[in-house]
Amino acid sequence: MNAPTHFAPLLRILHWLMAILLLAMLFIGVSMVADLSPRHSVLVAVHKPLGLILLVLVLIRLAVRLTRPTPPLPGDMPAWQQRIARLSHLFLYALMLALPLVGWAMQSAGGYPLALHDSLPMPPIVPQDARLYALLRLAHTVLAYLLFIGVLAHLAAALYHALIRRDGVLSSMTTGSGIRPTPGGQ
């Protein structure tokens, strides 16, 4: 069976939906900690359930990614770049999982209820503890900055593939037109 030249439509939809939501979350998070105006409570009220939604989406995305074939990287891409690409994807997935889990744990440690909706409260996942809350708050902030850096690096790599290499890597996740076959096969 030939390797696919593009990502499955469901993976592309999840990728772009999550990209939009993650960027929104990063900007909401920065605004939330820098703003003590009346809109602070609105930002918090959006941030918490959106974090839980992103956790569900990343779990779905991982399940789909593990069950659907994905296109190989271009065969003429240096091995070290292929290793970095694979590691950077693992890094992004780890952060997309860790951030909402640490946020949930932070809220639990702080004694702040977390709910997807008023009628769907979530159980605490760690005991209430002020020191743990402070540690998790710092961890949540550091992970958010790492995710932002990872997203910027991912964007830079996508632009490199689209504008310099012109190898179809970006289009395999956008239009689905796919990765350019390597001369001589792979």
N, C-alpha and C. Protein backbone atom coordinates (compact mmCIF):
# COMPACT_ATOMS: atom_id res chain seq x y z
N MET A 1 0.83 -1.18 0.00
CA MET A 1 0.00 0.00 0.00
C MET A 1 0.88 1.25 0.00
N ASN A 2 0.56 2.20 -0.84
CA ASN A 2 1.33 3.44 -0.92
C ASN A 2 1.06 4.32 0.29
N ALA A 3 2.10 5.05 0.71
CA ALA A 3 1.94 6.00 1.82
C ALA A 3 1.08 7.17 1.34
N PRO A 4 0.26 7.72 2.21
CA PRO A 4 -0.56 8.87 1.81
C PRO A 4 0.32 10.10 1.54
N THR A 5 -0.19 10.99 0.71
CA THR A 5 0.55 12.22 0.41
C THR A 5 0.00 13.40 1.20
N HIS A 6 -1.11 13.17 1.92
CA HIS A 6 -1.70 14.25 2.72
C HIS A 6 -2.35 13.66 3.97
N PHE A 7 -2.63 14.52 4.91
CA PHE A 7 -3.28 14.10 6.15
C PHE A 7 -4.77 13.88 5.91
N ALA A 8 -5.35 12.95 6.65
CA ALA A 8 -6.78 12.66 6.55
C ALA A 8 -7.58 13.94 6.87
N PRO A 9 -8.73 14.11 6.22
CA PRO A 9 -9.53 15.32 6.47
C PRO A 9 -9.84 15.57 7.95
N LEU A 10 -10.14 14.52 8.71
CA LEU A 10 -10.43 14.71 10.13
C LEU A 10 -9.21 15.27 10.87
N LEU A 11 -8.02 14.78 10.54
CA LEU A 11 -6.80 15.31 11.17
C LEU A 11 -6.58 16.77 10.80
N ARG A 12 -6.85 17.11 9.55
CA ARG A 12 -6.68 18.51 9.13
C ARG A 12 -7.67 19.40 9.87
N ILE A 13 -8.91 18.97 10.00
CA ILE A 13 -9.92 19.77 10.71
C ILE A 13 -9.51 19.95 12.17
N LEU A 14 -9.12 18.85 12.82
CA LEU A 14 -8.70 18.94 14.22
C LEU A 14 -7.47 19.84 14.37
N HIS A 15 -6.53 19.73 13.46
CA HIS A 15 -5.31 20.55 13.52
C HIS A 15 -5.66 22.04 13.50
N TRP A 16 -6.48 22.45 12.54
CA TRP A 16 -6.76 23.88 12.38
C TRP A 16 -7.71 24.39 13.45
N LEU A 17 -8.66 23.56 13.87
CA LEU A 17 -9.55 23.95 14.96
C LEU A 17 -8.73 24.16 16.24
N MET A 18 -7.85 23.21 16.52
CA MET A 18 -7.02 23.33 17.72
C MET A 18 -6.03 24.49 17.61
N ALA A 19 -5.51 24.74 16.42
CA ALA A 19 -4.58 25.86 16.25
C ALA A 19 -5.27 27.17 16.63
N ILE A 20 -6.48 27.36 16.16
CA ILE A 20 -7.24 28.57 16.47
C ILE A 20 -7.53 28.65 17.97
N LEU A 21 -8.00 27.54 18.54
CA LEU A 21 -8.35 27.53 19.96
C LEU A 21 -7.12 27.70 20.86
N LEU A 22 -6.00 27.07 20.48
CA LEU A 22 -4.78 27.21 21.29
C LEU A 22 -4.26 28.64 21.26
N LEU A 23 -4.26 29.26 20.10
CA LEU A 23 -3.82 30.66 20.04
C LEU A 23 -4.75 31.55 20.85
N ALA A 24 -6.04 31.30 20.75
CA ALA A 24 -7.00 32.07 21.56
C ALA A 24 -6.70 31.87 23.04
N MET A 25 -6.46 30.63 23.45
CA MET A 25 -6.17 30.34 24.85
C MET A 25 -4.91 31.04 25.33
N LEU A 26 -3.87 31.03 24.50
CA LEU A 26 -2.62 31.69 24.90
C LEU A 26 -2.85 33.18 25.11
N PHE A 27 -3.59 33.81 24.19
CA PHE A 27 -3.84 35.25 24.33
C PHE A 27 -4.81 35.54 25.48
N ILE A 28 -5.79 34.68 25.67
CA ILE A 28 -6.70 34.85 26.81
C ILE A 28 -5.91 34.72 28.11
N GLY A 29 -5.03 33.73 28.18
CA GLY A 29 -4.23 33.51 29.38
C GLY A 29 -3.36 34.71 29.71
N VAL A 30 -2.69 35.27 28.70
CA VAL A 30 -1.85 36.45 28.92
C VAL A 30 -2.72 37.62 29.37
N SER A 31 -3.85 37.81 28.72
CA SER A 31 -4.75 38.91 29.08
C SER A 31 -5.30 38.73 30.49
N MET A 32 -5.58 37.49 30.84
CA MET A 32 -6.18 37.17 32.12
C MET A 32 -5.27 37.57 33.28
N VAL A 33 -4.00 37.26 33.16
CA VAL A 33 -3.08 37.55 34.27
C VAL A 33 -2.67 39.02 34.29
N ALA A 34 -2.82 39.72 33.17
CA ALA A 34 -2.42 41.12 33.10
C ALA A 34 -3.58 42.07 33.32
N ASP A 35 -4.79 41.55 33.47
CA ASP A 35 -5.98 42.40 33.53
C ASP A 35 -6.79 42.11 34.80
N LEU A 36 -6.94 43.11 35.62
CA LEU A 36 -7.75 42.95 36.82
C LEU A 36 -9.04 43.75 36.73
N SER A 37 -9.42 44.10 35.52
CA SER A 37 -10.66 44.84 35.30
C SER A 37 -11.85 43.88 35.42
N PRO A 38 -13.07 44.39 35.30
CA PRO A 38 -14.24 43.51 35.37
C PRO A 38 -14.23 42.40 34.31
N ARG A 39 -13.53 42.60 33.21
CA ARG A 39 -13.52 41.54 32.19
C ARG A 39 -12.65 40.34 32.60
N HIS A 40 -11.87 40.48 33.68
CA HIS A 40 -11.04 39.37 34.16
C HIS A 40 -11.89 38.12 34.43
N SER A 41 -13.02 38.29 35.08
CA SER A 41 -13.86 37.12 35.40
C SER A 41 -14.43 36.49 34.13
N VAL A 42 -14.68 37.30 33.10
CA VAL A 42 -15.16 36.77 31.82
C VAL A 42 -14.06 35.94 31.16
N LEU A 43 -12.83 36.46 31.19
CA LEU A 43 -11.70 35.73 30.61
C LEU A 43 -11.49 34.40 31.32
N VAL A 44 -11.56 34.40 32.64
CA VAL A 44 -11.41 33.17 33.42
C VAL A 44 -12.54 32.19 33.07
N ALA A 45 -13.76 32.72 32.96
CA ALA A 45 -14.92 31.88 32.66
C ALA A 45 -14.82 31.25 31.27
N VAL A 46 -14.10 31.87 30.36
CA VAL A 46 -13.89 31.31 29.02
C VAL A 46 -12.69 30.35 29.04
N HIS A 47 -11.64 30.74 29.74
CA HIS A 47 -10.38 29.99 29.74
C HIS A 47 -10.54 28.58 30.32
N LYS A 48 -11.23 28.46 31.42
CA LYS A 48 -11.33 27.14 32.08
C LYS A 48 -12.04 26.08 31.24
N PRO A 49 -13.27 26.32 30.77
CA PRO A 49 -13.91 25.27 29.98
C PRO A 49 -13.23 25.06 28.63
N LEU A 50 -12.66 26.12 28.06
CA LEU A 50 -11.96 25.97 26.79
C LEU A 50 -10.73 25.07 26.95
N GLY A 51 -10.07 25.16 28.11
CA GLY A 51 -8.96 24.27 28.39
C GLY A 51 -9.40 22.81 28.44
N LEU A 52 -10.55 22.56 29.05
CA LEU A 52 -11.08 21.19 29.10
C LEU A 52 -11.48 20.70 27.70
N ILE A 53 -12.05 21.59 26.91
CA ILE A 53 -12.42 21.23 25.53
C ILE A 53 -11.17 20.88 24.73
N LEU A 54 -10.11 21.66 24.92
CA LEU A 54 -8.85 21.37 24.21
C LEU A 54 -8.25 20.04 24.67
N LEU A 55 -8.40 19.72 25.94
CA LEU A 55 -7.93 18.42 26.42
C LEU A 55 -8.67 17.29 25.71
N VAL A 56 -9.96 17.40 25.58
CA VAL A 56 -10.77 16.39 24.88
C VAL A 56 -10.34 16.33 23.41
N LEU A 57 -10.17 17.48 22.79
CA LEU A 57 -9.78 17.52 21.36
C LEU A 57 -8.41 16.89 21.14
N VAL A 58 -7.45 17.14 22.03
CA VAL A 58 -6.13 16.56 21.82
C VAL A 58 -6.17 15.05 22.01
N LEU A 59 -7.01 14.56 22.91
CA LEU A 59 -7.15 13.11 23.07
C LEU A 59 -7.78 12.48 21.82
N ILE A 60 -8.78 13.15 21.27
CA ILE A 60 -9.39 12.67 20.01
C ILE A 60 -8.35 12.71 18.90
N ARG A 61 -7.62 13.82 18.84
CA ARG A 61 -6.62 13.98 17.78
C ARG A 61 -5.54 12.91 17.88
N LEU A 62 -5.09 12.60 19.08
CA LEU A 62 -4.10 11.53 19.24
C LEU A 62 -4.65 10.19 18.79
N ALA A 63 -5.89 9.90 19.15
CA ALA A 63 -6.50 8.63 18.73
C ALA A 63 -6.59 8.55 17.21
N VAL A 64 -7.01 9.64 16.58
CA VAL A 64 -7.11 9.66 15.12
C VAL A 64 -5.73 9.54 14.49
N ARG A 65 -4.78 10.26 15.05
CA ARG A 65 -3.41 10.24 14.50
C ARG A 65 -2.80 8.85 14.57
N LEU A 66 -3.11 8.13 15.66
CA LEU A 66 -2.55 6.79 15.82
C LEU A 66 -3.24 5.74 14.96
N THR A 67 -4.44 6.06 14.46
CA THR A 67 -5.19 5.07 13.67
C THR A 67 -5.24 5.39 12.18
N ARG A 68 -4.77 6.55 11.78
CA ARG A 68 -4.77 6.93 10.36
C ARG A 68 -3.33 7.09 9.89
N PRO A 69 -3.03 6.59 8.70
CA PRO A 69 -1.66 6.79 8.19
C PRO A 69 -1.42 8.27 7.90
N THR A 70 -0.19 8.68 8.11
CA THR A 70 0.18 10.07 7.84
C THR A 70 1.26 10.08 6.75
N PRO A 71 1.34 11.17 6.01
CA PRO A 71 2.34 11.20 4.94
C PRO A 71 3.75 11.25 5.51
N PRO A 72 4.67 10.57 4.83
CA PRO A 72 6.06 10.65 5.28
C PRO A 72 6.63 12.03 4.94
N LEU A 73 7.67 12.39 5.66
CA LEU A 73 8.38 13.62 5.31
C LEU A 73 9.09 13.40 3.98
N PRO A 74 9.38 14.47 3.25
CA PRO A 74 10.07 14.31 1.97
C PRO A 74 11.37 13.52 2.14
N GLY A 75 11.59 12.59 1.24
CA GLY A 75 12.77 11.73 1.32
C GLY A 75 14.08 12.47 1.15
N ASP A 76 14.05 13.63 0.50
CA ASP A 76 15.28 14.39 0.31
C ASP A 76 15.57 15.36 1.47
N MET A 77 14.74 15.29 2.49
CA MET A 77 14.94 16.11 3.68
C MET A 77 16.04 15.47 4.52
N PRO A 78 17.04 16.24 4.97
CA PRO A 78 18.12 15.66 5.77
C PRO A 78 17.59 14.92 7.00
N ALA A 79 18.26 13.84 7.37
CA ALA A 79 17.83 13.00 8.49
C ALA A 79 17.73 13.81 9.79
N TRP A 80 18.64 14.73 10.02
CA TRP A 80 18.60 15.51 11.26
C TRP A 80 17.35 16.39 11.30
N GLN A 81 16.92 16.92 10.14
CA GLN A 81 15.70 17.72 10.11
C GLN A 81 14.46 16.84 10.34
N GLN A 82 14.49 15.63 9.80
CA GLN A 82 13.38 14.71 10.03
C GLN A 82 13.26 14.36 11.51
N ARG A 83 14.41 14.13 12.18
CA ARG A 83 14.40 13.84 13.62
C ARG A 83 13.84 15.03 14.41
N ILE A 84 14.28 16.23 14.06
CA ILE A 84 13.78 17.43 14.75
C ILE A 84 12.28 17.59 14.52
N ALA A 85 11.82 17.32 13.30
CA ALA A 85 10.38 17.43 13.01
C ALA A 85 9.59 16.46 13.87
N ARG A 86 10.04 15.23 13.97
CA ARG A 86 9.32 14.24 14.78
C ARG A 86 9.35 14.62 16.27
N LEU A 87 10.52 15.04 16.76
CA LEU A 87 10.62 15.44 18.16
C LEU A 87 9.78 16.67 18.46
N SER A 88 9.73 17.61 17.52
CA SER A 88 8.94 18.82 17.76
C SER A 88 7.45 18.50 17.81
N HIS A 89 7.01 17.52 17.01
CA HIS A 89 5.60 17.12 17.08
C HIS A 89 5.30 16.44 18.42
N LEU A 90 6.21 15.58 18.88
CA LEU A 90 6.02 14.95 20.19
C LEU A 90 5.98 16.02 21.28
N PHE A 91 6.86 17.02 21.19
CA PHE A 91 6.91 18.12 22.14
C PHE A 91 5.58 18.87 22.17
N LEU A 92 5.04 19.18 20.98
CA LEU A 92 3.76 19.90 20.91
C LEU A 92 2.62 19.07 21.48
N TYR A 93 2.56 17.79 21.14
CA TYR A 93 1.51 16.93 21.69
C TYR A 93 1.63 16.84 23.21
N ALA A 94 2.86 16.69 23.72
CA ALA A 94 3.06 16.61 25.17
C ALA A 94 2.57 17.89 25.85
N LEU A 95 2.88 19.03 25.26
CA LEU A 95 2.44 20.30 25.84
C LEU A 95 0.92 20.46 25.75
N MET A 96 0.34 20.05 24.62
CA MET A 96 -1.12 20.16 24.47
C MET A 96 -1.85 19.28 25.48
N LEU A 97 -1.22 18.19 25.91
CA LEU A 97 -1.80 17.33 26.95
C LEU A 97 -1.52 17.89 28.34
N ALA A 98 -0.27 18.31 28.56
CA ALA A 98 0.16 18.73 29.89
C ALA A 98 -0.52 20.03 30.34
N LEU A 99 -0.64 20.99 29.45
CA LEU A 99 -1.17 22.30 29.85
C LEU A 99 -2.56 22.22 30.47
N PRO A 100 -3.53 21.60 29.81
CA PRO A 100 -4.85 21.54 30.46
C PRO A 100 -4.86 20.67 31.71
N LEU A 101 -4.06 19.61 31.73
CA LEU A 101 -4.02 18.76 32.93
C LEU A 101 -3.41 19.52 34.11
N VAL A 102 -2.34 20.27 33.86
CA VAL A 102 -1.73 21.07 34.92
C VAL A 102 -2.69 22.18 35.35
N GLY A 103 -3.39 22.78 34.38
CA GLY A 103 -4.38 23.80 34.72
C GLY A 103 -5.49 23.23 35.59
N TRP A 104 -5.97 22.05 35.25
CA TRP A 104 -7.01 21.38 36.03
C TRP A 104 -6.50 21.07 37.44
N ALA A 105 -5.27 20.55 37.51
CA ALA A 105 -4.68 20.24 38.81
C ALA A 105 -4.50 21.52 39.63
N MET A 106 -4.08 22.59 38.97
CA MET A 106 -3.89 23.87 39.65
C MET A 106 -5.21 24.35 40.25
N GLN A 107 -6.28 24.28 39.47
CA GLN A 107 -7.59 24.69 39.97
C GLN A 107 -8.04 23.80 41.13
N SER A 108 -7.77 22.52 41.03
CA SER A 108 -8.11 21.59 42.11
C SER A 108 -7.33 21.94 43.38
N ALA A 109 -6.03 22.17 43.24
CA ALA A 109 -5.19 22.50 44.39
C ALA A 109 -5.60 23.82 45.03
N GLY A 110 -6.10 24.74 44.22
CA GLY A 110 -6.54 26.03 44.74
C GLY A 110 -7.94 26.00 45.31
N GLY A 111 -8.63 24.89 45.14
CA GLY A 111 -10.01 24.79 45.63
C GLY A 111 -11.01 25.52 44.75
N TYR A 112 -10.63 25.73 43.50
CA TYR A 112 -11.52 26.41 42.56
C TYR A 112 -12.25 25.37 41.72
N PRO A 113 -13.55 25.39 41.72
CA PRO A 113 -14.29 24.39 40.94
C PRO A 113 -14.08 24.60 39.44
N LEU A 114 -14.06 23.50 38.76
CA LEU A 114 -13.87 23.52 37.32
C LEU A 114 -15.05 22.80 36.69
N ALA A 115 -15.62 23.40 35.64
CA ALA A 115 -16.78 22.79 35.00
C ALA A 115 -16.77 23.10 33.52
N LEU A 116 -17.22 22.14 32.74
CA LEU A 116 -17.42 22.39 31.32
C LEU A 116 -18.63 23.30 31.13
N HIS A 117 -19.59 23.11 32.01
CA HIS A 117 -20.84 23.87 31.99
C HIS A 117 -21.38 23.83 33.42
N ASP A 118 -22.31 24.69 33.74
CA ASP A 118 -22.88 24.70 35.09
C ASP A 118 -23.39 23.32 35.51
N SER A 119 -23.91 22.58 34.56
CA SER A 119 -24.47 21.27 34.87
C SER A 119 -23.46 20.14 34.75
N LEU A 120 -22.19 20.46 34.42
CA LEU A 120 -21.18 19.42 34.26
C LEU A 120 -19.91 19.77 35.03
N PRO A 121 -19.98 19.69 36.39
CA PRO A 121 -18.78 19.97 37.19
C PRO A 121 -17.77 18.84 37.05
N MET A 122 -16.49 19.21 37.08
CA MET A 122 -15.42 18.22 36.97
C MET A 122 -14.87 17.94 38.37
N PRO A 123 -14.48 16.70 38.63
CA PRO A 123 -13.94 16.37 39.95
C PRO A 123 -12.52 16.95 40.11
N PRO A 124 -12.13 17.25 41.33
CA PRO A 124 -10.74 17.68 41.54
C PRO A 124 -9.81 16.49 41.25
N ILE A 125 -8.63 16.78 40.72
CA ILE A 125 -7.70 15.69 40.40
C ILE A 125 -6.49 15.67 41.33
N VAL A 126 -6.36 16.69 42.18
CA VAL A 126 -5.35 16.70 43.24
C VAL A 126 -6.01 17.29 44.49
N PRO A 127 -5.45 17.01 45.66
CA PRO A 127 -6.02 17.59 46.87
C PRO A 127 -5.77 19.09 46.96
N GLN A 128 -6.61 19.77 47.70
CA GLN A 128 -6.45 21.20 47.88
C GLN A 128 -5.20 21.45 48.73
N ASP A 129 -4.30 22.31 48.22
CA ASP A 129 -3.04 22.58 48.90
C ASP A 129 -2.47 23.87 48.32
N ALA A 130 -2.28 24.88 49.15
CA ALA A 130 -1.83 26.20 48.68
C ALA A 130 -0.44 26.15 48.05
N ARG A 131 0.47 25.37 48.62
CA ARG A 131 1.83 25.29 48.04
C ARG A 131 1.81 24.58 46.69
N LEU A 132 1.02 23.52 46.61
CA LEU A 132 0.89 22.82 45.34
C LEU A 132 0.27 23.73 44.30
N TYR A 133 -0.73 24.51 44.71
CA TYR A 133 -1.35 25.47 43.80
C TYR A 133 -0.31 26.43 43.23
N ALA A 134 0.54 26.99 44.08
CA ALA A 134 1.56 27.94 43.64
C ALA A 134 2.53 27.27 42.66
N LEU A 135 2.95 26.04 42.97
CA LEU A 135 3.86 25.32 42.09
C LEU A 135 3.20 25.03 40.73
N LEU A 136 1.95 24.60 40.76
CA LEU A 136 1.23 24.29 39.52
C LEU A 136 0.95 25.55 38.71
N ARG A 137 0.72 26.65 39.38
CA ARG A 137 0.50 27.92 38.67
C ARG A 137 1.75 28.31 37.90
N LEU A 138 2.91 28.19 38.55
CA LEU A 138 4.18 28.47 37.87
C LEU A 138 4.38 27.50 36.71
N ALA A 139 4.12 26.22 36.94
CA ALA A 139 4.28 25.21 35.89
C ALA A 139 3.36 25.52 34.71
N HIS A 140 2.13 25.91 34.99
CA HIS A 140 1.16 26.24 33.92
C HIS A 140 1.68 27.41 33.08
N THR A 141 2.24 28.40 33.75
CA THR A 141 2.79 29.56 33.04
C THR A 141 3.97 29.16 32.17
N VAL A 142 4.90 28.40 32.72
CA VAL A 142 6.09 27.97 31.97
C VAL A 142 5.67 27.11 30.78
N LEU A 143 4.75 26.18 30.99
CA LEU A 143 4.28 25.33 29.89
C LEU A 143 3.59 26.16 28.80
N ALA A 144 2.85 27.18 29.20
CA ALA A 144 2.18 28.04 28.22
C ALA A 144 3.21 28.77 27.36
N TYR A 145 4.26 29.28 27.98
CA TYR A 145 5.32 29.95 27.21
C TYR A 145 6.03 28.96 26.29
N LEU A 146 6.27 27.75 26.79
CA LEU A 146 6.90 26.72 25.94
C LEU A 146 6.00 26.37 24.76
N LEU A 147 4.70 26.29 25.00
CA LEU A 147 3.77 26.01 23.90
C LEU A 147 3.80 27.14 22.88
N PHE A 148 3.82 28.38 23.35
CA PHE A 148 3.87 29.51 22.43
C PHE A 148 5.15 29.45 21.58
N ILE A 149 6.28 29.15 22.20
CA ILE A 149 7.54 29.01 21.46
C ILE A 149 7.43 27.85 20.47
N GLY A 150 6.84 26.73 20.92
CA GLY A 150 6.67 25.57 20.03
C GLY A 150 5.79 25.88 18.84
N VAL A 151 4.72 26.63 19.07
CA VAL A 151 3.81 27.03 17.98
C VAL A 151 4.55 27.93 17.00
N LEU A 152 5.34 28.87 17.50
CA LEU A 152 6.12 29.75 16.61
C LEU A 152 7.12 28.95 15.78
N ALA A 153 7.78 27.99 16.41
CA ALA A 153 8.73 27.14 15.68
C ALA A 153 8.01 26.30 14.63
N HIS A 154 6.84 25.79 14.98
CA HIS A 154 6.04 24.98 14.05
C HIS A 154 5.61 25.84 12.85
N LEU A 155 5.19 27.06 13.12
CA LEU A 155 4.82 27.99 12.06
C LEU A 155 6.02 28.31 11.17
N ALA A 156 7.17 28.54 11.78
CA ALA A 156 8.39 28.82 11.00
C ALA A 156 8.74 27.64 10.10
N ALA A 157 8.62 26.43 10.63
CA ALA A 157 8.91 25.23 9.83
C ALA A 157 7.92 25.10 8.67
N ALA A 158 6.64 25.37 8.94
CA ALA A 158 5.63 25.29 7.89
C ALA A 158 5.93 26.31 6.78
N LEU A 159 6.31 27.51 7.16
CA LEU A 159 6.65 28.53 6.17
C LEU A 159 7.92 28.16 5.40
N TYR A 160 8.87 27.55 6.08
CA TYR A 160 10.09 27.07 5.42
C TYR A 160 9.74 26.05 4.34
N HIS A 161 8.86 25.11 4.68
CA HIS A 161 8.45 24.10 3.70
C HIS A 161 7.66 24.72 2.55
N ALA A 162 6.82 25.69 2.86
CA ALA A 162 5.97 26.29 1.83
C ALA A 162 6.73 27.25 0.93
N LEU A 163 7.59 28.08 1.50
CA LEU A 163 8.21 29.17 0.74
C LEU A 163 9.61 28.86 0.24
N ILE A 164 10.34 28.02 0.94
CA ILE A 164 11.72 27.74 0.54
C ILE A 164 11.84 26.37 -0.13
N ARG A 165 11.43 25.33 0.58
CA ARG A 165 11.52 23.98 0.00
C ARG A 165 10.44 23.71 -1.05
N ARG A 166 9.29 24.29 -0.87
CA ARG A 166 8.14 24.08 -1.78
C ARG A 166 7.91 22.60 -2.05
N ASP A 167 7.85 21.84 -0.96
CA ASP A 167 7.79 20.39 -1.07
C ASP A 167 6.42 19.80 -0.77
N GLY A 168 5.42 20.65 -0.51
CA GLY A 168 4.07 20.16 -0.30
C GLY A 168 3.75 19.78 1.14
N VAL A 169 4.70 19.94 2.07
CA VAL A 169 4.44 19.58 3.46
C VAL A 169 3.30 20.43 4.02
N LEU A 170 3.33 21.74 3.79
CA LEU A 170 2.25 22.59 4.30
C LEU A 170 0.92 22.25 3.61
N SER A 171 0.94 22.06 2.31
CA SER A 171 -0.33 21.77 1.62
C SER A 171 -0.91 20.42 2.03
N SER A 172 -0.08 19.52 2.54
CA SER A 172 -0.61 18.23 3.02
C SER A 172 -1.49 18.41 4.25
N MET A 173 -1.37 19.58 4.93
CA MET A 173 -2.19 19.87 6.10
C MET A 173 -3.21 20.98 5.81
N THR A 174 -3.12 21.61 4.65
CA THR A 174 -4.08 22.67 4.32
C THR A 174 -5.06 22.18 3.27
N THR A 175 -4.65 22.20 2.03
CA THR A 175 -5.55 21.83 0.93
C THR A 175 -5.65 20.33 0.73
N GLY A 176 -4.68 19.61 1.29
CA GLY A 176 -4.68 18.16 1.11
C GLY A 176 -4.07 17.73 -0.20
N SER A 177 -3.45 18.69 -0.92
CA SER A 177 -2.87 18.32 -2.22
C SER A 177 -1.63 17.46 -2.06
N GLY A 178 -0.92 17.57 -0.97
CA GLY A 178 0.07 16.58 -0.63
C GLY A 178 1.52 16.91 -0.86
N ILE A 179 2.33 16.00 -0.33
CA ILE A 179 3.78 16.12 -0.38
C ILE A 179 4.27 15.66 -1.74
N ARG A 180 5.19 16.43 -2.28
CA ARG A 180 5.78 16.13 -3.58
C ARG A 180 6.57 14.83 -3.48
N PRO A 181 6.31 13.91 -4.39
CA PRO A 181 7.06 12.64 -4.35
C PRO A 181 8.54 12.90 -4.58
N THR A 182 9.36 12.11 -3.91
CA THR A 182 10.81 12.22 -4.07
C THR A 182 11.21 11.49 -5.33
N PRO A 183 12.07 12.12 -6.17
CA PRO A 183 12.53 11.43 -7.38
C PRO A 183 13.14 10.07 -7.02
N GLY A 184 12.76 9.06 -7.74
CA GLY A 184 13.28 7.72 -7.49
C GLY A 184 12.52 6.95 -6.43
N GLY A 185 11.45 7.56 -5.89
CA GLY A 185 10.65 6.88 -4.88
C GLY A 185 11.27 6.97 -3.50
N GLN A 186 10.56 6.40 -2.54
CA GLN A 186 11.05 6.46 -1.16
C GLN A 186 11.09 5.10 -0.56
